[in-house]
Protein backbone atom coordinates (compact mmCIF):
# COMPACT_ATOMS: atom_id res chain seq x y z
CA MET A 1 80.09 -178.41 -51.96
CA ALA A 2 80.29 -177.11 -48.39
CA LEU A 3 83.62 -176.52 -46.70
CA SER A 4 84.46 -178.61 -43.67
CA THR A 5 84.68 -176.99 -40.24
CA LYS A 6 88.47 -177.24 -40.37
CA GLU A 7 88.59 -175.38 -43.70
CA LYS A 8 86.38 -172.58 -42.35
CA ARG A 9 88.48 -172.06 -39.23
CA LYS A 10 90.76 -169.05 -39.28
CA PRO A 11 94.44 -169.80 -38.71
CA HIS A 12 95.48 -168.73 -35.22
CA LEU A 13 98.57 -166.58 -34.78
CA VAL A 14 100.15 -166.22 -31.37
CA LEU A 15 102.18 -163.02 -31.58
CA GLY A 16 104.97 -162.63 -29.05
CA VAL A 17 106.04 -159.05 -28.39
CA THR A 18 109.30 -158.33 -26.56
CA GLY A 19 110.88 -155.23 -25.02
CA SER A 20 112.20 -153.43 -28.07
CA ILE A 21 111.38 -149.86 -29.06
CA ALA A 22 109.89 -151.49 -32.18
CA ALA A 23 107.13 -152.98 -29.99
CA TYR A 24 104.79 -150.23 -31.17
CA LYS A 25 104.99 -151.67 -34.69
CA ALA A 26 103.52 -154.95 -33.43
CA ALA A 27 100.16 -153.20 -33.06
CA GLU A 28 100.04 -152.71 -36.82
CA LEU A 29 101.11 -156.34 -37.32
CA VAL A 30 98.00 -157.40 -35.41
CA ARG A 31 95.86 -155.32 -37.76
CA LEU A 32 97.57 -156.72 -40.88
CA PHE A 33 97.06 -160.34 -39.82
CA ILE A 34 93.42 -159.74 -38.89
CA ARG A 35 92.80 -158.14 -42.30
CA LYS A 36 94.21 -161.29 -43.87
CA GLY A 37 91.74 -163.45 -41.97
CA TRP A 38 93.84 -164.63 -39.02
CA GLU A 39 92.76 -164.92 -35.41
CA VAL A 40 95.44 -163.23 -33.28
CA SER A 41 96.38 -163.69 -29.63
CA VAL A 42 99.18 -161.61 -28.15
CA VAL A 43 101.67 -162.69 -25.49
CA MET A 44 103.96 -159.91 -24.35
CA THR A 45 106.92 -159.74 -22.02
CA SER A 46 106.94 -157.35 -19.08
CA CYS A 47 109.59 -155.30 -20.91
CA ALA A 48 107.31 -154.99 -23.95
CA ALA A 49 104.64 -153.53 -21.66
CA GLU A 50 107.05 -150.68 -20.92
CA PHE A 51 106.66 -149.60 -24.57
CA VAL A 52 103.04 -150.56 -25.43
CA THR A 53 100.19 -151.42 -23.09
CA PRO A 54 98.35 -154.74 -23.17
CA LEU A 55 95.13 -152.76 -23.69
CA THR A 56 96.37 -151.69 -27.14
CA PHE A 57 96.78 -155.31 -28.23
CA GLN A 58 93.57 -156.44 -26.54
CA THR A 59 91.60 -153.78 -28.39
CA LEU A 60 93.15 -154.53 -31.78
CA SER A 61 93.07 -158.33 -31.50
CA ARG A 62 89.75 -158.54 -29.65
CA ASN A 63 91.39 -161.16 -27.41
CA ALA A 64 92.82 -161.12 -23.92
CA VAL A 65 96.55 -160.47 -23.81
CA GLY A 66 98.91 -162.78 -21.96
CA SER A 67 101.70 -161.14 -20.03
CA GLY A 68 102.42 -162.70 -16.65
CA LEU A 69 103.31 -166.33 -16.12
CA PHE A 70 101.40 -166.36 -12.86
CA ASP A 71 98.46 -164.09 -13.70
CA GLU A 72 95.07 -165.17 -12.35
CA LYS A 73 93.19 -167.45 -14.72
CA ASP A 74 89.50 -168.12 -15.24
CA GLY A 75 90.08 -171.86 -15.61
CA TRP A 76 92.63 -174.45 -14.60
CA HIS A 77 94.54 -174.57 -17.90
CA PRO A 78 98.00 -172.94 -17.63
CA ASP A 79 98.26 -169.97 -20.02
CA HIS A 80 101.52 -171.04 -21.65
CA ILE A 81 99.98 -174.39 -22.58
CA SER A 82 96.77 -172.73 -23.76
CA TYR A 83 98.63 -170.31 -26.04
CA ALA A 84 100.97 -173.05 -27.25
CA ASP A 85 98.07 -175.36 -28.14
CA ARG A 86 96.00 -172.76 -29.98
CA ALA A 87 98.89 -171.53 -32.14
CA ASP A 88 98.95 -172.51 -35.79
CA LEU A 89 101.98 -170.22 -36.00
CA LEU A 90 103.99 -168.47 -33.30
CA LEU A 91 105.59 -165.21 -34.41
CA ILE A 92 107.84 -163.12 -32.18
CA ALA A 93 108.04 -159.56 -33.51
CA PRO A 94 109.96 -157.66 -32.41
CA CYS A 95 112.35 -160.13 -30.83
CA THR A 96 115.22 -158.83 -28.70
CA ALA A 97 118.71 -160.32 -28.41
CA ASN A 98 117.79 -161.32 -24.86
CA VAL A 99 114.79 -163.40 -25.95
CA ILE A 100 116.75 -164.93 -28.82
CA ALA A 101 119.38 -166.03 -26.27
CA LYS A 102 116.72 -167.46 -23.95
CA LEU A 103 115.13 -169.42 -26.80
CA ALA A 104 118.47 -170.74 -28.02
CA HIS A 105 119.31 -172.08 -24.58
CA GLY A 106 115.89 -173.38 -23.58
CA MET A 107 115.32 -170.83 -20.85
CA ALA A 108 111.67 -170.38 -19.93
CA ASP A 109 111.28 -167.71 -17.28
CA ASP A 110 108.25 -165.83 -18.57
CA LEU A 111 104.97 -166.54 -20.35
CA LEU A 112 106.37 -166.03 -23.84
CA THR A 113 109.42 -168.27 -23.51
CA CYS A 114 107.36 -170.98 -21.78
CA THR A 115 104.85 -170.79 -24.63
CA VAL A 116 107.59 -171.20 -27.24
CA LEU A 117 108.96 -174.27 -25.46
CA ALA A 118 105.47 -175.79 -25.20
CA THR A 119 104.25 -175.21 -28.76
CA ARG A 120 104.40 -177.61 -31.67
CA ALA A 121 103.55 -174.79 -34.08
CA PRO A 122 106.18 -173.37 -36.41
CA VAL A 123 108.08 -170.43 -34.89
CA VAL A 124 109.04 -167.28 -36.80
CA VAL A 125 111.32 -164.64 -35.29
CA ALA A 126 111.63 -161.03 -36.47
CA PRO A 127 114.58 -159.54 -34.56
CA ALA A 128 114.99 -155.86 -33.67
CA MET A 129 118.03 -154.45 -31.88
CA ASN A 130 121.06 -152.20 -32.10
CA ASP A 131 123.47 -153.01 -34.96
CA ASN A 132 126.29 -154.00 -32.58
CA MET A 133 123.98 -156.33 -30.69
CA TRP A 134 122.85 -157.91 -33.99
CA ALA A 135 126.48 -158.34 -35.14
CA ASN A 136 127.68 -159.70 -31.77
CA GLU A 137 129.17 -163.19 -31.97
CA ALA A 138 126.85 -164.48 -29.22
CA THR A 139 123.75 -163.26 -31.04
CA ARG A 140 124.96 -164.71 -34.35
CA ALA A 141 125.61 -168.08 -32.65
CA ASN A 142 122.16 -168.05 -31.00
CA VAL A 143 120.47 -167.28 -34.33
CA ALA A 144 122.40 -170.09 -36.05
CA LEU A 145 121.43 -172.52 -33.28
CA LEU A 146 117.74 -171.61 -33.56
CA LYS A 147 117.83 -171.88 -37.36
CA SER A 148 119.29 -175.39 -36.97
CA ARG A 149 116.17 -176.19 -34.92
CA ALA A 150 113.84 -175.06 -37.73
CA VAL A 151 113.07 -171.60 -36.34
CA THR A 152 112.54 -169.22 -39.26
CA PHE A 153 114.08 -165.75 -39.09
CA VAL A 154 112.87 -162.69 -40.96
CA GLU A 155 115.96 -160.75 -42.03
CA VAL A 156 116.52 -157.53 -40.11
CA GLY A 157 116.20 -154.22 -41.88
CA VAL A 158 119.05 -151.81 -42.49
CA GLY A 159 118.66 -148.10 -41.82
CA ASP A 160 118.08 -145.63 -39.02
CA LEU A 161 118.08 -147.24 -35.59
CA ALA A 162 116.42 -145.90 -32.45
CA CYS A 163 119.85 -145.40 -30.86
CA GLY A 164 120.63 -142.73 -33.45
CA ARG A 165 122.94 -144.90 -35.53
CA GLU A 166 122.44 -146.41 -38.94
CA GLY A 167 122.96 -150.08 -39.61
CA ALA A 168 121.49 -153.59 -39.58
CA GLY A 169 119.17 -154.54 -36.76
CA ARG A 170 115.92 -152.71 -37.27
CA LEU A 171 112.65 -154.64 -37.44
CA ALA A 172 111.93 -155.86 -40.98
CA ASP A 173 109.12 -154.23 -42.95
CA LEU A 174 105.80 -155.42 -41.60
CA GLU A 175 104.61 -156.67 -45.00
CA GLU A 176 107.76 -158.84 -45.21
CA ILE A 177 107.07 -160.28 -41.76
CA VAL A 178 103.53 -161.15 -42.83
CA LYS A 179 104.75 -162.66 -46.12
CA VAL A 180 107.36 -164.88 -44.43
CA SER A 181 104.88 -165.92 -41.72
CA GLU A 182 102.20 -166.88 -44.24
CA ALA A 183 104.73 -168.89 -46.26
CA VAL A 184 105.84 -170.79 -43.15
CA TYR A 185 102.21 -171.45 -42.19
CA LYS A 186 101.30 -172.71 -45.69
CA LYS A 187 104.34 -174.97 -45.78
CA SER A 188 103.39 -176.53 -42.44
CA HIS A 189 99.67 -177.03 -43.13
């Protein structure tokens, strides 16, 4: 019995990358998802591009990388709608406290946050930040608000942080991010 076209189609991950030092780890996330049979498109913030270039993600994903809300387009379709519509799952890894706050309060001032507001796909967030930022009351309230809206969070790791301290706030292990993302995708499809 032949599989239908829908069954043959690879799930499409839209990976949001924000301006955390852990942005370099997102390159390996692209590779892990592709190995598992996913199609991957990357949308990165301008701050993320300070850590890793779009060319890195374009090469690994074999897809154009979205970065600017007003970048020139080949067609008429706005990028944030295009990314939102193609996503079977939207994962933001790493996700900064700033982007968590924007998402919690419906702010959409860049391509990534506009894409999140426009998508109907499940959203998974893998935070990465300093331990004090992670423990801050505002961040905790923003995370709770997003969880109440069915956003799934991958628990932060504990250990050495880029700031030289040790504590909670580092990006979760990549295999854990993939595992949580696949579980959310399977539950929604």
